[in-house]
N, C-alpha and C. Protein backbone atom coordinates (compact mmCIF):
# COMPACT_ATOMS: atom_id res chain seq x y z
N MET A 1 45.32 4.18 101.41
CA MET A 1 45.63 3.45 100.19
C MET A 1 47.12 3.64 99.84
N GLN A 2 47.78 2.56 99.54
CA GLN A 2 49.19 2.64 99.17
C GLN A 2 49.36 3.29 97.79
N PRO A 3 50.50 3.97 97.56
CA PRO A 3 50.70 4.66 96.28
C PRO A 3 50.53 3.75 95.06
N ALA A 4 51.04 2.54 95.12
CA ALA A 4 50.93 1.64 93.97
C ALA A 4 49.47 1.30 93.68
N GLU A 5 48.69 1.13 94.75
CA GLU A 5 47.27 0.82 94.58
C GLU A 5 46.51 2.03 94.04
N GLN A 6 46.84 3.22 94.56
CA GLN A 6 46.19 4.44 94.07
C GLN A 6 46.47 4.66 92.59
N LEU A 7 47.73 4.44 92.20
CA LEU A 7 48.09 4.62 90.80
C LEU A 7 47.39 3.59 89.92
N ALA A 8 47.38 2.34 90.35
CA ALA A 8 46.73 1.29 89.56
C ALA A 8 45.24 1.57 89.39
N ASN A 9 44.59 1.99 90.46
CA ASN A 9 43.17 2.31 90.38
C ASN A 9 42.91 3.49 89.45
N GLY A 10 43.77 4.51 89.55
CA GLY A 10 43.62 5.68 88.71
C GLY A 10 43.81 5.37 87.23
N LEU A 11 44.83 4.58 86.93
CA LEU A 11 45.07 4.19 85.54
C LEU A 11 43.89 3.38 84.99
N ALA A 12 43.34 2.50 85.81
CA ALA A 12 42.20 1.70 85.38
C ALA A 12 41.00 2.59 85.08
N ARG A 13 40.78 3.60 85.91
CA ARG A 13 39.66 4.52 85.68
C ARG A 13 39.86 5.36 84.43
N LEU A 14 41.11 5.58 84.05
CA LEU A 14 41.40 6.30 82.81
C LEU A 14 41.37 5.38 81.59
N GLY A 15 41.21 4.07 81.85
CA GLY A 15 41.19 3.11 80.75
C GLY A 15 42.57 2.81 80.20
N LEU A 16 43.60 2.99 81.03
CA LEU A 16 44.98 2.78 80.61
C LEU A 16 45.55 1.51 81.24
N GLU A 17 46.21 0.70 80.45
CA GLU A 17 46.82 -0.52 80.94
C GLU A 17 48.33 -0.43 80.74
N PRO A 18 49.08 -0.22 81.81
CA PRO A 18 50.53 -0.04 81.67
C PRO A 18 51.24 -1.35 81.38
N ALA A 19 52.32 -1.26 80.63
CA ALA A 19 53.18 -2.42 80.40
C ALA A 19 53.92 -2.74 81.69
N PRO A 20 54.44 -3.96 81.82
CA PRO A 20 55.18 -4.33 83.03
C PRO A 20 56.31 -3.34 83.33
N GLY A 21 56.40 -2.93 84.56
CA GLY A 21 57.47 -2.03 84.98
C GLY A 21 57.14 -0.55 84.86
N VAL A 22 56.09 -0.20 84.12
CA VAL A 22 55.77 1.21 83.90
C VAL A 22 55.29 1.87 85.19
N ALA A 23 54.39 1.23 85.91
CA ALA A 23 53.87 1.82 87.15
C ALA A 23 54.99 2.07 88.16
N ALA A 24 55.90 1.12 88.29
CA ALA A 24 57.02 1.28 89.21
C ALA A 24 57.90 2.45 88.80
N LYS A 25 58.08 2.63 87.50
CA LYS A 25 58.91 3.73 87.02
C LYS A 25 58.22 5.07 87.23
N LEU A 26 56.90 5.11 87.10
CA LEU A 26 56.15 6.34 87.36
C LEU A 26 56.30 6.75 88.84
N LEU A 27 56.20 5.78 89.74
CA LEU A 27 56.35 6.07 91.16
C LEU A 27 57.80 6.46 91.50
N ALA A 28 58.75 5.85 90.81
CA ALA A 28 60.15 6.22 91.02
C ALA A 28 60.39 7.67 90.58
N TYR A 29 59.71 8.07 89.53
CA TYR A 29 59.80 9.47 89.08
C TYR A 29 59.28 10.42 90.16
N LEU A 30 58.15 10.08 90.78
CA LEU A 30 57.63 10.92 91.86
C LEU A 30 58.59 10.99 93.03
N ASP A 31 59.23 9.88 93.37
CA ASP A 31 60.22 9.87 94.45
C ASP A 31 61.37 10.81 94.14
N LEU A 32 61.83 10.77 92.90
CA LEU A 32 62.93 11.63 92.48
C LEU A 32 62.50 13.10 92.50
N LEU A 33 61.27 13.36 92.07
CA LEU A 33 60.75 14.72 92.08
C LEU A 33 60.68 15.26 93.51
N ALA A 34 60.21 14.42 94.43
CA ALA A 34 60.13 14.83 95.83
C ALA A 34 61.52 15.11 96.41
N LYS A 35 62.49 14.30 96.03
CA LYS A 35 63.86 14.48 96.52
C LYS A 35 64.43 15.83 96.07
N TRP A 36 64.26 16.14 94.79
CA TRP A 36 64.77 17.41 94.26
C TRP A 36 63.97 18.59 94.80
N ASN A 37 62.70 18.35 95.10
CA ASN A 37 61.83 19.43 95.57
C ASN A 37 62.28 19.97 96.92
N ARG A 38 63.04 19.18 97.66
CA ARG A 38 63.53 19.65 98.96
C ARG A 38 64.54 20.79 98.80
N THR A 39 65.19 20.83 97.66
CA THR A 39 66.19 21.87 97.41
C THR A 39 65.70 22.89 96.38
N TYR A 40 65.08 22.39 95.32
CA TYR A 40 64.60 23.27 94.25
C TYR A 40 63.07 23.19 94.18
N ARG A 41 62.43 24.32 94.07
CA ARG A 41 60.97 24.34 94.01
C ARG A 41 60.54 23.98 92.58
N LEU A 42 60.32 22.71 92.36
CA LEU A 42 59.92 22.23 91.05
C LEU A 42 58.40 22.13 90.93
N THR A 43 57.73 21.90 92.05
CA THR A 43 56.28 21.76 92.07
C THR A 43 55.76 22.15 93.44
N ALA A 44 54.52 22.64 93.48
CA ALA A 44 53.92 23.03 94.75
C ALA A 44 53.27 21.86 95.47
N VAL A 45 53.17 20.71 94.81
CA VAL A 45 52.55 19.53 95.41
C VAL A 45 53.64 18.69 96.07
N HIS A 46 53.52 18.48 97.37
CA HIS A 46 54.57 17.79 98.11
C HIS A 46 54.16 16.40 98.61
N GLN A 47 52.87 16.15 98.76
CA GLN A 47 52.40 14.88 99.30
C GLN A 47 52.22 13.86 98.18
N VAL A 48 52.45 12.58 98.50
CA VAL A 48 52.44 11.53 97.48
C VAL A 48 51.07 11.35 96.84
N ALA A 49 50.03 11.24 97.66
CA ALA A 49 48.70 10.96 97.11
C ALA A 49 48.22 12.05 96.16
N PRO A 50 48.30 13.35 96.53
CA PRO A 50 47.92 14.38 95.57
C PRO A 50 48.81 14.39 94.33
N ALA A 51 50.10 14.09 94.50
CA ALA A 51 51.02 14.10 93.36
C ALA A 51 50.66 13.01 92.35
N ILE A 52 50.22 11.86 92.83
CA ILE A 52 49.82 10.80 91.91
C ILE A 52 48.67 11.28 91.03
N SER A 53 47.71 11.97 91.64
CA SER A 53 46.56 12.46 90.87
C SER A 53 46.93 13.66 90.02
N GLN A 54 47.56 14.67 90.63
CA GLN A 54 47.77 15.94 89.96
C GLN A 54 48.96 15.94 89.01
N HIS A 55 49.89 15.02 89.19
CA HIS A 55 51.04 14.95 88.28
C HIS A 55 50.94 13.77 87.33
N LEU A 56 50.84 12.56 87.86
CA LEU A 56 50.85 11.38 87.00
C LEU A 56 49.55 11.20 86.23
N LEU A 57 48.43 11.10 86.95
CA LEU A 57 47.16 10.82 86.28
C LEU A 57 46.72 12.00 85.41
N ASP A 58 46.95 13.21 85.88
CA ASP A 58 46.60 14.38 85.08
C ASP A 58 47.36 14.40 83.77
N SER A 59 48.64 14.07 83.82
CA SER A 59 49.46 14.02 82.60
C SER A 59 48.99 12.91 81.67
N LEU A 60 48.74 11.74 82.23
CA LEU A 60 48.40 10.58 81.41
C LEU A 60 46.99 10.64 80.87
N ALA A 61 46.15 11.53 81.40
CA ALA A 61 44.78 11.66 80.90
C ALA A 61 44.75 12.13 79.45
N ILE A 62 45.83 12.76 78.98
CA ILE A 62 45.84 13.25 77.60
C ILE A 62 46.45 12.24 76.63
N LEU A 63 46.88 11.10 77.16
CA LEU A 63 47.56 10.09 76.34
C LEU A 63 46.78 9.69 75.09
N PRO A 64 45.46 9.47 75.16
CA PRO A 64 44.73 9.06 73.95
C PRO A 64 44.72 10.11 72.85
N HIS A 65 45.09 11.35 73.18
CA HIS A 65 44.99 12.43 72.21
C HIS A 65 46.34 12.78 71.55
N LEU A 66 47.40 12.05 71.90
CA LEU A 66 48.70 12.30 71.27
C LEU A 66 48.63 11.98 69.79
N VAL A 67 49.37 12.75 69.00
CA VAL A 67 49.42 12.56 67.55
C VAL A 67 50.84 12.21 67.15
N GLY A 68 51.01 11.13 66.40
CA GLY A 68 52.30 10.80 65.82
C GLY A 68 53.36 10.35 66.81
N PRO A 69 54.60 10.24 66.33
CA PRO A 69 55.67 9.61 67.13
C PRO A 69 56.54 10.56 67.94
N THR A 70 56.34 11.89 67.79
CA THR A 70 57.25 12.83 68.46
C THR A 70 56.46 13.81 69.31
N LEU A 71 57.09 14.22 70.42
CA LEU A 71 56.44 15.11 71.38
C LEU A 71 57.41 16.19 71.83
N LEU A 72 56.92 17.42 71.88
CA LEU A 72 57.65 18.51 72.51
C LEU A 72 56.81 19.01 73.67
N ASP A 73 57.38 18.99 74.88
CA ASP A 73 56.69 19.47 76.07
C ASP A 73 57.28 20.83 76.41
N VAL A 74 56.49 21.88 76.20
CA VAL A 74 56.96 23.26 76.36
C VAL A 74 56.75 23.71 77.81
N GLY A 75 57.79 24.29 78.40
CA GLY A 75 57.70 24.70 79.80
C GLY A 75 57.50 23.50 80.70
N SER A 76 58.29 22.47 80.49
CA SER A 76 58.08 21.18 81.14
C SER A 76 58.19 21.24 82.65
N GLY A 77 58.99 22.16 83.19
CA GLY A 77 59.10 22.32 84.64
C GLY A 77 59.61 21.06 85.32
N GLY A 78 58.76 20.46 86.15
CA GLY A 78 59.12 19.21 86.80
C GLY A 78 58.89 17.99 85.94
N GLY A 79 58.51 18.21 84.68
CA GLY A 79 58.36 17.09 83.74
C GLY A 79 56.95 16.76 83.33
N MET A 80 55.99 17.61 83.69
CA MET A 80 54.60 17.31 83.34
C MET A 80 54.12 18.13 82.16
N PRO A 81 53.46 17.50 81.20
CA PRO A 81 53.08 16.09 81.15
C PRO A 81 54.08 15.17 80.45
N GLY A 82 55.15 15.74 79.89
CA GLY A 82 56.00 14.98 78.98
C GLY A 82 56.66 13.76 79.58
N LEU A 83 57.15 13.87 80.81
CA LEU A 83 57.89 12.75 81.38
C LEU A 83 57.00 11.54 81.67
N PRO A 84 55.84 11.70 82.33
CA PRO A 84 54.96 10.54 82.49
C PRO A 84 54.51 9.94 81.16
N LEU A 85 54.27 10.79 80.17
CA LEU A 85 53.87 10.28 78.85
C LEU A 85 54.99 9.44 78.23
N ALA A 86 56.22 9.91 78.36
CA ALA A 86 57.36 9.18 77.80
C ALA A 86 57.62 7.88 78.55
N ILE A 87 57.34 7.86 79.85
CA ILE A 87 57.47 6.62 80.62
C ILE A 87 56.44 5.61 80.14
N PHE A 88 55.21 6.06 79.97
CA PHE A 88 54.13 5.16 79.57
C PHE A 88 54.28 4.71 78.12
N ARG A 89 54.85 5.58 77.28
CA ARG A 89 55.01 5.28 75.85
C ARG A 89 56.48 5.30 75.47
N PRO A 90 57.22 4.22 75.68
CA PRO A 90 58.65 4.21 75.36
C PRO A 90 58.94 4.37 73.87
N ASP A 91 57.91 4.18 73.03
CA ASP A 91 58.08 4.39 71.59
C ASP A 91 58.01 5.87 71.21
N LEU A 92 57.57 6.70 72.14
CA LEU A 92 57.43 8.13 71.89
C LEU A 92 58.77 8.82 72.04
N ARG A 93 59.15 9.62 71.06
CA ARG A 93 60.40 10.39 71.13
C ARG A 93 60.06 11.79 71.63
N ALA A 94 60.47 12.07 72.86
CA ALA A 94 60.03 13.29 73.53
C ALA A 94 61.19 14.23 73.82
N VAL A 95 60.95 15.51 73.63
CA VAL A 95 61.88 16.56 74.05
C VAL A 95 61.18 17.38 75.12
N LEU A 96 61.82 17.50 76.27
CA LEU A 96 61.30 18.31 77.37
C LEU A 96 62.06 19.63 77.36
N LEU A 97 61.34 20.73 77.22
CA LEU A 97 61.97 22.04 77.09
C LEU A 97 61.59 22.93 78.25
N ASP A 98 62.61 23.56 78.85
CA ASP A 98 62.35 24.54 79.90
C ASP A 98 63.48 25.57 79.91
N ALA A 99 63.12 26.81 80.17
CA ALA A 99 64.13 27.87 80.17
C ALA A 99 64.92 27.93 81.47
N SER A 100 64.44 27.24 82.52
CA SER A 100 65.13 27.23 83.81
C SER A 100 66.22 26.18 83.83
N ALA A 101 67.44 26.60 84.16
CA ALA A 101 68.57 25.67 84.19
C ALA A 101 68.39 24.61 85.26
N LYS A 102 67.86 24.98 86.42
CA LYS A 102 67.71 24.00 87.50
C LYS A 102 66.63 22.97 87.14
N LYS A 103 65.58 23.40 86.47
CA LYS A 103 64.54 22.46 86.06
C LYS A 103 65.05 21.55 84.95
N ALA A 104 65.80 22.11 84.01
CA ALA A 104 66.38 21.29 82.95
C ALA A 104 67.36 20.28 83.54
N ALA A 105 68.11 20.68 84.57
CA ALA A 105 69.05 19.76 85.22
C ALA A 105 68.30 18.59 85.85
N PHE A 106 67.17 18.90 86.49
CA PHE A 106 66.36 17.81 87.07
C PHE A 106 65.86 16.87 85.99
N LEU A 107 65.36 17.42 84.90
CA LEU A 107 64.82 16.59 83.83
C LEU A 107 65.89 15.67 83.24
N LYS A 108 67.08 16.21 83.07
CA LYS A 108 68.19 15.39 82.56
C LYS A 108 68.54 14.27 83.54
N GLN A 109 68.58 14.60 84.83
CA GLN A 109 68.91 13.59 85.83
C GLN A 109 67.82 12.53 85.90
N ALA A 110 66.56 12.95 85.78
CA ALA A 110 65.45 11.99 85.80
C ALA A 110 65.55 11.03 84.62
N ALA A 111 65.87 11.54 83.45
CA ALA A 111 66.00 10.68 82.28
C ALA A 111 67.12 9.66 82.46
N ILE A 112 68.21 10.09 83.11
CA ILE A 112 69.33 9.18 83.36
C ILE A 112 68.96 8.12 84.40
N GLU A 113 68.44 8.57 85.53
CA GLU A 113 68.16 7.64 86.63
C GLU A 113 67.03 6.67 86.30
N LEU A 114 66.09 7.10 85.48
CA LEU A 114 64.96 6.24 85.12
C LEU A 114 65.21 5.49 83.81
N ASP A 115 66.39 5.69 83.24
CA ASP A 115 66.79 5.01 82.00
C ASP A 115 65.77 5.25 80.88
N LEU A 116 65.47 6.52 80.68
CA LEU A 116 64.51 6.91 79.64
C LEU A 116 65.28 7.35 78.40
N THR A 117 65.58 6.41 77.57
CA THR A 117 66.38 6.70 76.38
C THR A 117 65.58 7.41 75.29
N ASN A 118 64.27 7.51 75.46
CA ASN A 118 63.43 8.19 74.47
C ASN A 118 63.23 9.66 74.80
N ILE A 119 63.95 10.17 75.79
CA ILE A 119 63.80 11.57 76.21
C ILE A 119 65.08 12.35 75.95
N ALA A 120 64.89 13.58 75.44
CA ALA A 120 65.98 14.56 75.37
C ALA A 120 65.49 15.81 76.09
N VAL A 121 66.42 16.59 76.60
CA VAL A 121 66.08 17.80 77.35
C VAL A 121 66.75 18.99 76.68
N HIS A 122 65.99 20.07 76.51
CA HIS A 122 66.56 21.30 75.96
C HIS A 122 66.30 22.44 76.92
N CYS A 123 67.36 23.13 77.31
CA CYS A 123 67.25 24.28 78.19
C CYS A 123 67.31 25.55 77.34
N GLY A 124 66.22 26.32 77.34
CA GLY A 124 66.18 27.53 76.55
C GLY A 124 64.75 27.97 76.30
N ARG A 125 64.62 29.09 75.63
CA ARG A 125 63.29 29.61 75.27
C ARG A 125 62.75 28.87 74.05
N VAL A 126 61.48 28.59 74.07
CA VAL A 126 60.88 27.85 72.96
C VAL A 126 60.98 28.64 71.66
N GLU A 127 60.90 29.98 71.75
CA GLU A 127 60.99 30.80 70.55
C GLU A 127 62.34 30.64 69.83
N ASP A 128 63.38 30.31 70.60
CA ASP A 128 64.73 30.22 70.05
C ASP A 128 65.13 28.80 69.66
N TYR A 129 64.27 27.84 69.95
CA TYR A 129 64.60 26.42 69.71
C TYR A 129 64.46 26.12 68.22
N ARG A 130 65.51 25.56 67.63
CA ARG A 130 65.52 25.29 66.19
C ARG A 130 66.04 23.87 65.93
N PRO A 131 65.22 22.86 66.19
CA PRO A 131 65.64 21.47 65.91
C PRO A 131 65.59 21.18 64.42
N ALA A 132 66.11 20.03 64.04
CA ALA A 132 66.15 19.67 62.62
C ALA A 132 64.76 19.37 62.06
N ALA A 133 63.85 18.92 62.88
CA ALA A 133 62.51 18.56 62.41
C ALA A 133 61.46 19.01 63.42
N GLY A 134 60.23 19.19 62.95
CA GLY A 134 59.14 19.59 63.82
C GLY A 134 58.58 18.40 64.60
N PHE A 135 57.58 18.68 65.42
CA PHE A 135 57.00 17.68 66.30
C PHE A 135 55.54 17.44 65.95
N THR A 136 55.12 16.18 66.04
CA THR A 136 53.75 15.85 65.70
C THR A 136 52.78 16.23 66.82
N THR A 137 53.27 16.30 68.05
CA THR A 137 52.47 16.78 69.18
C THR A 137 53.30 17.76 69.99
N ILE A 138 52.69 18.91 70.32
CA ILE A 138 53.33 19.88 71.20
C ILE A 138 52.40 20.11 72.37
N THR A 139 52.90 19.85 73.59
CA THR A 139 52.07 19.97 74.78
C THR A 139 52.54 21.12 75.66
N ALA A 140 51.63 21.57 76.52
CA ALA A 140 51.97 22.54 77.56
C ALA A 140 50.92 22.45 78.64
N ARG A 141 51.37 22.56 79.89
CA ARG A 141 50.46 22.58 81.03
C ARG A 141 50.72 23.85 81.83
N ALA A 142 49.72 24.74 81.85
CA ALA A 142 49.82 26.00 82.60
C ALA A 142 51.05 26.81 82.16
N PHE A 143 51.32 26.80 80.86
CA PHE A 143 52.50 27.50 80.33
C PHE A 143 52.21 28.97 80.09
N SER A 144 51.09 29.27 79.45
CA SER A 144 50.76 30.63 79.05
C SER A 144 49.34 30.63 78.51
N THR A 145 48.94 31.75 77.90
CA THR A 145 47.67 31.75 77.19
C THR A 145 47.80 30.89 75.93
N LEU A 146 46.67 30.49 75.38
CA LEU A 146 46.70 29.69 74.15
C LEU A 146 47.41 30.44 73.03
N ALA A 147 47.11 31.73 72.88
CA ALA A 147 47.72 32.51 71.80
C ALA A 147 49.23 32.58 71.95
N GLU A 148 49.70 32.81 73.17
CA GLU A 148 51.14 32.87 73.42
C GLU A 148 51.79 31.52 73.17
N PHE A 149 51.13 30.46 73.57
CA PHE A 149 51.65 29.10 73.39
C PHE A 149 51.85 28.77 71.92
N VAL A 150 50.82 28.98 71.11
CA VAL A 150 50.94 28.59 69.69
C VAL A 150 51.85 29.54 68.92
N THR A 151 51.86 30.81 69.29
CA THR A 151 52.74 31.76 68.61
C THR A 151 54.20 31.42 68.86
N ALA A 152 54.52 31.10 70.10
CA ALA A 152 55.91 30.80 70.46
C ALA A 152 56.42 29.51 69.84
N SER A 153 55.51 28.56 69.59
CA SER A 153 55.93 27.23 69.13
C SER A 153 55.47 26.88 67.72
N HIS A 154 54.89 27.86 67.01
CA HIS A 154 54.31 27.58 65.69
C HIS A 154 55.34 26.98 64.74
N HIS A 155 56.57 27.46 64.81
CA HIS A 155 57.62 27.00 63.91
C HIS A 155 58.07 25.57 64.21
N LEU A 156 57.60 25.02 65.33
CA LEU A 156 58.03 23.69 65.75
C LEU A 156 57.00 22.60 65.47
N LEU A 157 55.83 22.98 64.97
CA LEU A 157 54.77 22.01 64.71
C LEU A 157 54.96 21.38 63.34
N ALA A 158 55.02 20.05 63.30
CA ALA A 158 55.15 19.34 62.02
C ALA A 158 53.83 19.41 61.26
N ASP A 159 53.90 19.26 59.94
CA ASP A 159 52.68 19.22 59.14
C ASP A 159 51.76 18.12 59.65
N GLY A 160 50.50 18.45 59.85
CA GLY A 160 49.55 17.48 60.37
C GLY A 160 49.60 17.30 61.86
N GLY A 161 50.49 18.04 62.55
CA GLY A 161 50.63 17.91 63.99
C GLY A 161 49.55 18.66 64.74
N ARG A 162 49.56 18.52 66.05
CA ARG A 162 48.57 19.17 66.90
C ARG A 162 49.23 19.75 68.16
N TRP A 163 48.69 20.86 68.61
CA TRP A 163 49.01 21.37 69.94
C TRP A 163 48.00 20.80 70.92
N LEU A 164 48.45 20.37 72.09
CA LEU A 164 47.57 19.92 73.15
C LEU A 164 47.83 20.81 74.36
N ALA A 165 46.89 21.71 74.64
CA ALA A 165 47.04 22.66 75.74
C ALA A 165 46.18 22.21 76.91
N MET A 166 46.82 21.97 78.05
CA MET A 166 46.12 21.52 79.25
C MET A 166 45.70 22.73 80.07
N LYS A 167 44.40 22.80 80.36
CA LYS A 167 43.83 23.93 81.07
C LYS A 167 42.93 23.45 82.20
N GLY A 168 42.59 24.37 83.10
CA GLY A 168 41.63 24.08 84.15
C GLY A 168 40.22 24.27 83.62
N VAL A 169 39.64 25.43 83.88
CA VAL A 169 38.32 25.72 83.34
C VAL A 169 38.43 25.92 81.82
N ARG A 170 37.32 25.74 81.13
CA ARG A 170 37.31 25.90 79.67
C ARG A 170 37.74 27.32 79.31
N PRO A 171 38.83 27.48 78.53
CA PRO A 171 39.39 28.80 78.26
C PRO A 171 38.70 29.51 77.09
N THR A 172 37.42 29.82 77.26
CA THR A 172 36.62 30.39 76.17
C THR A 172 37.20 31.69 75.65
N GLU A 173 37.59 32.58 76.55
CA GLU A 173 38.13 33.87 76.12
C GLU A 173 39.45 33.70 75.39
N GLU A 174 40.31 32.80 75.88
CA GLU A 174 41.60 32.57 75.22
C GLU A 174 41.39 32.04 73.81
N MET A 175 40.42 31.16 73.63
CA MET A 175 40.17 30.59 72.30
C MET A 175 39.71 31.65 71.32
N ALA A 176 39.05 32.68 71.83
CA ALA A 176 38.56 33.75 70.95
C ALA A 176 39.67 34.65 70.46
N HIS A 177 40.85 34.56 71.05
CA HIS A 177 41.95 35.46 70.68
C HIS A 177 43.08 34.74 69.94
N LEU A 178 42.79 33.59 69.37
CA LEU A 178 43.79 32.88 68.58
C LEU A 178 43.96 33.54 67.21
N ALA A 179 45.14 33.41 66.66
CA ALA A 179 45.40 33.95 65.33
C ALA A 179 44.57 33.23 64.28
N ALA A 180 44.41 33.86 63.14
CA ALA A 180 43.55 33.33 62.08
C ALA A 180 44.08 32.02 61.51
N ASP A 181 45.39 31.79 61.63
CA ASP A 181 45.96 30.57 61.04
C ASP A 181 45.96 29.39 62.01
N VAL A 182 45.26 29.53 63.13
CA VAL A 182 45.15 28.45 64.11
C VAL A 182 43.68 28.24 64.44
N HIS A 183 43.25 27.00 64.49
CA HIS A 183 41.86 26.76 64.87
C HIS A 183 41.76 25.70 65.96
N VAL A 184 40.68 25.80 66.73
CA VAL A 184 40.40 24.83 67.78
C VAL A 184 39.73 23.62 67.14
N GLU A 185 40.39 22.48 67.21
CA GLU A 185 39.84 21.26 66.64
C GLU A 185 38.87 20.59 67.61
N ALA A 186 39.17 20.64 68.91
CA ALA A 186 38.31 20.03 69.91
C ALA A 186 38.67 20.56 71.28
N VAL A 187 37.71 20.51 72.19
CA VAL A 187 37.94 20.79 73.60
C VAL A 187 37.37 19.61 74.38
N HIS A 188 38.23 18.90 75.07
CA HIS A 188 37.82 17.71 75.81
C HIS A 188 37.76 18.01 77.30
N ARG A 189 36.65 17.68 77.93
CA ARG A 189 36.54 17.77 79.39
C ARG A 189 37.16 16.50 79.96
N LEU A 190 38.19 16.64 80.74
CA LEU A 190 38.90 15.50 81.30
C LEU A 190 38.43 15.23 82.73
N VAL A 191 38.21 13.98 83.02
CA VAL A 191 37.89 13.57 84.39
C VAL A 191 39.10 12.80 84.92
N VAL A 192 39.82 13.44 85.83
CA VAL A 192 41.07 12.87 86.35
C VAL A 192 40.82 12.36 87.77
N PRO A 193 41.02 11.08 88.02
CA PRO A 193 40.80 10.54 89.36
C PRO A 193 41.61 11.28 90.42
N GLY A 194 40.91 11.75 91.45
CA GLY A 194 41.58 12.44 92.54
C GLY A 194 41.75 13.93 92.35
N VAL A 195 41.36 14.47 91.20
CA VAL A 195 41.46 15.90 90.93
C VAL A 195 40.05 16.48 90.95
N ALA A 196 39.80 17.39 91.89
CA ALA A 196 38.45 17.90 92.09
C ALA A 196 38.08 19.00 91.10
N GLY A 197 39.04 19.83 90.73
CA GLY A 197 38.74 20.96 89.85
C GLY A 197 38.51 20.54 88.41
N GLU A 198 38.03 21.49 87.62
CA GLU A 198 37.81 21.23 86.20
C GLU A 198 39.14 21.05 85.47
N ARG A 199 39.14 20.16 84.50
CA ARG A 199 40.31 19.95 83.65
C ARG A 199 39.83 19.86 82.21
N HIS A 200 40.46 20.62 81.33
CA HIS A 200 40.12 20.61 79.92
C HIS A 200 41.39 20.47 79.08
N LEU A 201 41.25 19.81 77.95
CA LEU A 201 42.32 19.70 76.98
C LEU A 201 41.86 20.37 75.69
N VAL A 202 42.61 21.38 75.26
CA VAL A 202 42.29 22.08 74.02
C VAL A 202 43.21 21.57 72.93
N VAL A 203 42.62 21.02 71.88
CA VAL A 203 43.37 20.49 70.74
C VAL A 203 43.34 21.54 69.63
N LEU A 204 44.53 21.97 69.22
CA LEU A 204 44.66 23.04 68.23
C LEU A 204 45.40 22.55 67.00
N ALA A 205 45.02 23.07 65.85
CA ALA A 205 45.67 22.71 64.60
C ALA A 205 46.00 23.97 63.81
N SER A 206 46.95 23.84 62.89
CA SER A 206 47.37 24.95 62.06
C SER A 206 46.73 24.85 60.69
N ARG A 207 46.23 25.96 60.20
CA ARG A 207 45.64 25.98 58.86
C ARG A 207 46.69 25.93 57.76
N ARG A 208 47.94 26.16 58.13
CA ARG A 208 49.00 26.18 57.11
C ARG A 208 49.19 24.83 56.44
N ALA A 209 48.78 23.75 57.17
CA ALA A 209 48.96 22.39 56.63
C ALA A 209 47.74 21.95 55.83
N GLY A 210 46.92 22.93 55.43
CA GLY A 210 45.75 22.59 54.64
C GLY A 210 44.62 22.05 55.47
N GLN A 211 44.62 22.35 56.79
CA GLN A 211 43.59 21.84 57.65
C GLN A 211 42.37 22.78 57.56
N GLU A 212 41.22 22.20 57.69
CA GLU A 212 39.99 22.98 57.69
C GLU A 212 39.35 22.89 59.05
N GLY A 213 38.64 23.91 59.44
CA GLY A 213 37.92 23.85 60.71
C GLY A 213 37.57 25.22 61.20
N GLU A 214 36.60 25.30 62.07
CA GLU A 214 36.15 26.57 62.64
C GLU A 214 36.14 26.44 64.15
N ARG A 215 36.33 27.57 64.81
CA ARG A 215 36.23 27.58 66.26
C ARG A 215 34.77 27.46 66.66
C-alpha cells in the first residue's frame, strides 16, 4: 500500500476528513523527520508504514479531545503529537516545547519548511517556561508519569483547560498518585489503525478552576 493510501485509509477509520493539502503536508513532515533522523535520533521508528501509524495516526487520534484554541505539547521531541495536530488544525495555535536543542532545531525547521505559521517552538524545561498566557490544552506523549507531567505544567494550564496524556496501557497506578488538586475526567481507549498495542488517552482537569469530579 502506498503511503498516501495508507494515510487516507487510516484517517477515514479515525473518522477524520482532512482539508485539501493536509495529507500531503503530513507526509512531507514524515519525509523531513526521516531526513533529520539520519543524523539526529529523533525517533526510533524509521520505516514509512509504521511511522504513518505510530506517529501521524496515533497523534491525530486525540484530535476530537482537544479543548479550546491553544495547545502546548510538552516534550515534543520529533513533534508528536503537536505537529500533526497543528497541520490538521491550522486554526490551532500550538507551542512545541522540548529541552533538547537539536530537537527544538528540527521543530523550528519543520515549521519553516512546512509553512506552519500557527506553530512556535520553545527550547527549555517546562517548569521554567513562563508565557504571557496559559494553554487550553496541554499534551504529552511518553513524557513522564502523570503526576510529574501535571506538576511540571500546572502553571501553564488556562482556566477550564485540560491535560491530555497519551499512554500505552491504562495507567491505573499513576492515576492513583495524582495530587488532590487534579482529577481524572476521562480515560479513553484509543484504537489507532496499524498500532497493535494498547493506547489510552487520560484527560485531566484542575480543581483550581472550580471543576468538580472524582477519580
